[in-house]
Amino acid sequence: MTINYVTQGTCSRIINIEIEDGIIQDVQFVGGCNGNQKGISKLVKGMEVEDVIEKLEGTTCGMRDTSCPDQLAQALKECL
């Protein structure tokens, strides 16, 4: 399954996610802090969707009430 999630409240604009049998195969962020996005993508690859949601949901960025990791969690929640 491939998801193209439009983010809200972050520098990244879109998160492209590939999931197979409940396991994250690939994550690509469009926009935002390139190095951080690549790091997040590498860390979550191979993880179960539920585990990523648990770890990343609620992460904030500066004064914002969301972040790119939180938006990834929100996108994954929509998949469940």
Protein backbone atom coordinates (compact mmCIF):
# COMPACT_ATOMS: atom_id res chain seq x y z
CA MET A 1 0.00 0.00 0.00
CA THR A 2 1.29 3.45 -0.86
CA ILE A 3 0.08 6.58 0.93
CA ASN A 4 0.66 10.20 -0.11
CA TYR A 5 -0.17 12.23 2.99
CA VAL A 6 -0.48 16.02 2.80
CA THR A 7 0.97 17.43 6.03
CA GLN A 8 -0.42 20.26 8.12
CA GLY A 9 1.61 22.71 10.22
CA THR A 10 5.08 21.55 9.15
CA CYS A 11 7.80 22.58 6.72
CA SER A 12 7.40 19.32 4.83
CA ARG A 13 4.46 19.33 2.44
CA ILE A 14 3.87 15.66 1.67
CA ILE A 15 4.91 12.33 3.15
CA ASN A 16 5.01 9.35 0.78
CA ILE A 17 4.79 6.06 2.68
CA GLU A 18 5.01 2.48 1.45
CA ILE A 19 3.63 -0.23 3.77
CA GLU A 20 3.55 -3.98 3.23
CA ASP A 21 1.89 -6.38 5.70
CA GLY A 22 1.92 -3.75 8.46
CA ILE A 23 5.65 -3.05 8.04
CA ILE A 24 7.02 0.26 6.76
CA GLN A 25 9.03 -0.32 3.61
CA ASP A 26 9.86 3.28 2.69
CA VAL A 27 9.16 6.86 3.78
CA GLN A 28 9.97 9.98 1.78
CA PHE A 29 9.29 13.54 2.90
CA VAL A 30 8.81 16.35 0.38
CA GLY A 31 10.16 19.60 1.80
CA GLY A 32 11.41 20.26 5.30
CA CYS A 33 14.82 19.59 6.86
CA ASN A 34 16.42 17.16 4.45
CA GLY A 35 18.86 15.50 6.85
CA ASN A 36 16.28 15.05 9.60
CA GLN A 37 13.77 13.59 7.15
CA LYS A 38 16.31 11.12 5.80
CA GLY A 39 17.19 10.10 9.36
CA ILE A 40 13.56 9.54 10.33
CA SER A 41 13.00 7.53 7.15
CA LYS A 42 15.95 5.24 7.87
CA LEU A 43 14.95 4.75 11.50
CA VAL A 44 11.36 3.69 10.77
CA LYS A 45 12.10 1.45 7.78
CA GLY A 46 11.32 -2.14 8.73
CA MET A 47 9.27 -1.16 11.78
CA GLU A 48 5.66 -2.09 12.44
CA VAL A 49 3.18 0.72 11.82
CA GLU A 50 1.81 0.60 15.39
CA ASP A 51 5.30 0.90 16.91
CA VAL A 52 6.11 3.98 14.83
CA ILE A 53 2.83 5.63 15.83
CA GLU A 54 3.54 4.93 19.50
CA LYS A 55 7.05 6.40 19.34
CA LEU A 56 6.41 9.48 17.19
CA GLU A 57 2.89 10.68 17.94
CA GLY A 58 2.82 13.93 19.91
CA THR A 59 6.34 15.04 18.96
CA THR A 60 6.43 18.83 18.61
CA CYS A 61 8.75 21.18 16.71
CA GLY A 62 9.62 24.49 18.36
CA MET A 63 6.43 26.35 19.24
CA ARG A 64 4.31 24.21 16.89
CA ASP A 65 1.96 21.60 18.29
CA THR A 66 3.05 19.12 15.62
CA SER A 67 6.21 18.09 13.73
CA CYS A 68 7.21 15.99 10.75
CA PRO A 69 7.49 12.86 12.98
CA ASP A 70 4.05 13.60 14.45
CA GLN A 71 2.60 14.08 10.96
CA LEU A 72 4.08 10.71 9.97
CA ALA A 73 2.30 9.16 12.96
CA GLN A 74 -0.96 10.86 11.93
CA ALA A 75 -0.60 9.53 8.38
CA LEU A 76 -0.01 6.02 9.70
CA LYS A 77 -3.03 6.23 11.98
CA GLU A 78 -5.17 6.94 8.92
CA CYS A 79 -3.89 3.69 7.40
CA LEU A 80 -5.10 1.55 10.28
